[in-house]
Amino acid sequence: MSTNQKLTKSYSGIFGHQVILKNRRGQSVMTIPPVRPKVSPSSKQVAVRERLKLAVAYGKNAINDPALLALYAAKASKSLPPFRLAVNDFLKPPYIHEIDASGYHGNTGEKIIVAAGDDFRLDSVTVKITGPDGSLIEEGACVFNMPAGNYDFTSTVQVAALTGVVILARAKDTPGNVTELSVTL
């Protein structure tokens, strides 16, 4: 076996429908062509392909938008360039682990704590409090609590009875993915 890559280093493509020559990170690679199945894709496969198309479109948009490019370039590395970081960010929605309403008793100034995050960055975390009948009691943005790593919402409306009150937390990331979690008191 020869380690001399002068012959294959500058070539890429398919050779005789039997071998594919590729250059990956400066190394010449020889593979067999992929075998494409002759069955039509399932509905789940179609959905995944559409989501990947949207992710690639978002990645291209992020590269062409100077503000988004600056955000992704700041966290990029050699193995994870800004485009790929943007695509990954689109594909991974934010998460909400829990809503801690143990300190909320319906009085003004009490805190509701939301444990939320994202693999890249959260744009906003909001809390919406509704009554048992679905009527809006209050809604607002949470503030990031740096030492605890959670998001705090401070109530501004007095609630007489908490039975059946629903607290809905919503986390939104840079690509616009939204995750919601609710707790009924």
Protein backbone atom coordinates (compact mmCIF):
# COMPACT_ATOMS: atom_id res chain seq x y z
CA MET A 1 0.00 0.00 0.00
CA SER A 2 1.39 3.34 -1.02
CA THR A 3 1.14 6.47 1.10
CA ASN A 4 1.98 8.71 -1.84
CA GLN A 5 -1.11 10.83 -2.49
CA LYS A 6 0.20 12.93 -5.39
CA LEU A 7 -2.00 11.10 -7.88
CA THR A 8 -5.29 11.25 -5.94
CA LYS A 9 -4.83 14.53 -4.06
CA SER A 10 -6.10 16.74 -6.87
CA TYR A 11 -8.86 14.43 -8.10
CA SER A 12 -12.38 13.95 -6.85
CA GLY A 13 -15.52 12.39 -8.25
CA ILE A 14 -16.83 9.04 -9.37
CA PHE A 15 -14.63 6.61 -11.27
CA GLY A 16 -16.31 3.94 -13.36
CA HIS A 17 -19.46 3.92 -11.16
CA GLN A 18 -17.49 1.80 -8.72
CA VAL A 19 -15.23 4.16 -6.75
CA ILE A 20 -15.63 7.69 -5.43
CA LEU A 21 -12.55 9.82 -4.77
CA LYS A 22 -12.94 12.53 -2.10
CA ASN A 23 -10.65 14.99 -0.36
CA ARG A 24 -11.49 15.39 3.31
CA ARG A 25 -9.35 17.71 5.45
CA GLY A 26 -6.38 17.32 3.14
CA GLN A 27 -6.59 13.51 3.01
CA SER A 28 -7.56 11.52 -0.07
CA VAL A 29 -10.40 9.11 0.60
CA MET A 30 -11.68 6.36 -1.67
CA THR A 31 -15.20 4.99 -1.06
CA ILE A 32 -17.85 2.99 -2.87
CA PRO A 33 -20.89 4.83 -4.22
CA PRO A 34 -23.92 4.86 -1.93
CA VAL A 35 -26.77 2.51 -2.76
CA ARG A 36 -30.04 4.40 -2.92
CA PRO A 37 -33.12 2.39 -1.94
CA LYS A 38 -35.82 2.15 -4.59
CA VAL A 39 -38.70 2.54 -2.13
CA SER A 40 -40.44 5.84 -1.55
CA PRO A 41 -39.65 7.62 1.74
CA SER A 42 -42.00 7.33 4.70
CA SER A 43 -43.91 10.34 6.03
CA LYS A 44 -41.41 10.62 8.91
CA GLN A 45 -38.49 10.65 6.48
CA VAL A 46 -40.18 13.35 4.41
CA ALA A 47 -40.75 15.43 7.57
CA VAL A 48 -37.10 15.07 8.61
CA ARG A 49 -35.90 16.04 5.14
CA GLU A 50 -38.12 19.13 5.16
CA ARG A 51 -36.81 20.12 8.61
CA LEU A 52 -33.23 19.70 7.36
CA LYS A 53 -34.01 21.87 4.33
CA LEU A 54 -35.35 24.57 6.66
CA ALA A 55 -32.25 24.26 8.85
CA VAL A 56 -29.93 24.69 5.86
CA ALA A 57 -31.96 27.70 4.69
CA TYR A 58 -31.65 29.22 8.18
CA GLY A 59 -27.89 28.53 8.17
CA LYS A 60 -27.49 30.30 4.82
CA ASN A 61 -29.56 33.22 6.10
CA ALA A 62 -27.42 33.41 9.25
CA ILE A 63 -24.23 33.56 7.19
CA ASN A 64 -25.65 36.37 5.01
CA ASP A 65 -26.98 38.40 7.95
CA PRO A 66 -24.10 40.32 9.58
CA ALA A 67 -25.73 40.39 13.04
CA LEU A 68 -26.43 36.64 13.10
CA LEU A 69 -23.04 35.86 11.58
CA ALA A 70 -21.36 37.81 14.39
CA LEU A 71 -23.31 35.81 17.01
CA TYR A 72 -22.42 32.43 15.53
CA ALA A 73 -18.83 33.39 14.62
CA ALA A 74 -18.18 34.32 18.26
CA LYS A 75 -18.83 30.72 19.34
CA ALA A 76 -17.53 28.99 16.23
CA SER A 77 -14.46 26.78 16.18
CA LYS A 78 -12.41 25.07 13.50
CA SER A 79 -14.47 21.89 13.80
CA LEU A 80 -17.78 23.77 14.08
CA PRO A 81 -17.93 26.75 11.67
CA PRO A 82 -20.69 29.42 11.93
CA PHE A 83 -22.88 27.82 9.24
CA ARG A 84 -22.90 24.44 10.94
CA LEU A 85 -23.43 26.05 14.35
CA ALA A 86 -26.48 27.89 12.97
CA VAL A 87 -27.90 24.70 11.44
CA ASN A 88 -27.42 22.83 14.73
CA ASP A 89 -29.06 25.69 16.62
CA PHE A 90 -32.09 25.50 14.33
CA LEU A 91 -32.39 21.74 14.79
CA LYS A 92 -32.20 21.80 18.62
CA PRO A 93 -35.11 23.62 20.27
CA PRO A 94 -34.76 25.21 23.71
CA TYR A 95 -35.69 23.23 26.82
CA ILE A 96 -37.54 23.97 30.04
CA HIS A 97 -36.68 21.62 32.88
CA GLU A 98 -39.13 22.91 35.46
CA ILE A 99 -41.27 25.73 36.75
CA ASP A 100 -40.72 26.34 40.45
CA ALA A 101 -43.81 28.06 41.83
CA SER A 102 -43.14 27.12 45.47
CA GLY A 103 -42.46 30.79 46.32
CA TYR A 104 -45.63 32.02 44.59
CA HIS A 105 -48.71 32.36 46.79
CA GLY A 106 -50.68 34.86 44.71
CA ASN A 107 -49.14 38.02 46.19
CA THR A 108 -47.38 40.79 44.31
CA GLY A 109 -43.58 40.70 44.32
CA GLU A 110 -43.34 36.90 44.63
CA LYS A 111 -41.08 34.97 42.29
CA ILE A 112 -41.72 32.13 39.88
CA ILE A 113 -38.47 30.44 38.82
CA VAL A 114 -38.08 28.86 35.38
CA ALA A 115 -35.16 26.50 34.69
CA ALA A 116 -34.65 26.84 30.93
CA GLY A 117 -31.80 26.80 28.44
CA ASP A 118 -30.62 26.19 24.92
CA ASP A 119 -27.54 24.70 23.28
CA PHE A 120 -26.63 28.14 21.86
CA ARG A 121 -28.62 31.03 23.32
CA LEU A 122 -32.11 31.92 24.53
CA ASP A 123 -33.66 35.11 23.18
CA SER A 124 -36.51 35.25 25.66
CA VAL A 125 -38.25 33.42 28.49
CA THR A 126 -41.78 34.55 29.36
CA VAL A 127 -44.40 33.53 31.89
CA LYS A 128 -48.16 33.70 31.41
CA ILE A 129 -50.53 33.19 34.35
CA THR A 130 -54.15 32.35 33.59
CA GLY A 131 -57.12 31.68 35.82
CA PRO A 132 -59.03 28.39 36.01
CA ASP A 133 -61.45 29.69 33.36
CA GLY A 134 -58.58 30.57 30.97
CA SER A 135 -58.72 34.32 31.60
CA LEU A 136 -55.38 36.13 31.54
CA ILE A 137 -54.18 37.23 34.98
CA GLU A 138 -50.74 38.51 33.96
CA GLU A 139 -47.98 37.94 31.47
CA GLY A 140 -44.40 39.14 31.22
CA ALA A 141 -40.74 38.52 30.55
CA CYS A 142 -38.43 36.71 32.93
CA VAL A 143 -35.09 38.09 34.06
CA PHE A 144 -31.96 35.94 33.94
CA ASN A 145 -30.62 35.24 37.44
CA MET A 146 -26.88 34.90 36.80
CA PRO A 147 -25.74 33.16 40.00
CA ALA A 148 -28.55 30.58 39.92
CA GLY A 149 -28.63 30.16 36.13
CA ASN A 150 -32.44 30.35 36.13
CA TYR A 151 -35.01 32.84 34.90
CA ASP A 152 -37.09 34.75 37.48
CA PHE A 153 -40.56 36.17 36.98
CA THR A 154 -41.84 38.62 39.61
CA SER A 155 -45.63 38.80 39.97
CA THR A 156 -47.35 42.17 39.77
CA VAL A 157 -51.00 41.13 40.22
CA GLN A 158 -52.68 39.92 43.41
CA VAL A 159 -54.53 36.58 43.00
CA ALA A 160 -57.10 35.65 45.65
CA ALA A 161 -57.43 31.91 44.99
CA LEU A 162 -54.67 29.85 43.39
CA THR A 163 -56.70 26.67 42.85
CA GLY A 164 -56.73 25.90 39.12
CA VAL A 165 -54.36 28.75 38.18
CA VAL A 166 -52.12 27.78 35.25
CA ILE A 167 -48.54 29.03 34.89
CA LEU A 168 -47.20 28.70 31.34
CA ALA A 169 -43.48 29.24 30.66
CA ARG A 170 -42.30 29.83 27.12
CA ALA A 171 -38.64 29.75 25.97
CA LYS A 172 -37.62 31.07 22.53
CA ASP A 173 -34.18 30.73 20.94
CA THR A 174 -32.43 32.67 18.16
CA PRO A 175 -33.84 30.67 15.19
CA GLY A 176 -37.37 31.10 16.59
CA ASN A 177 -37.90 27.63 18.09
CA VAL A 178 -40.35 27.79 21.00
CA THR A 179 -40.79 25.36 23.88
CA GLU A 180 -43.60 25.59 26.42
CA LEU A 181 -44.23 23.99 29.79
CA SER A 182 -47.20 24.58 32.07
CA VAL A 183 -47.99 23.89 35.69
CA THR A 184 -51.45 23.94 37.28
CA LEU A 185 -51.60 25.06 40.90
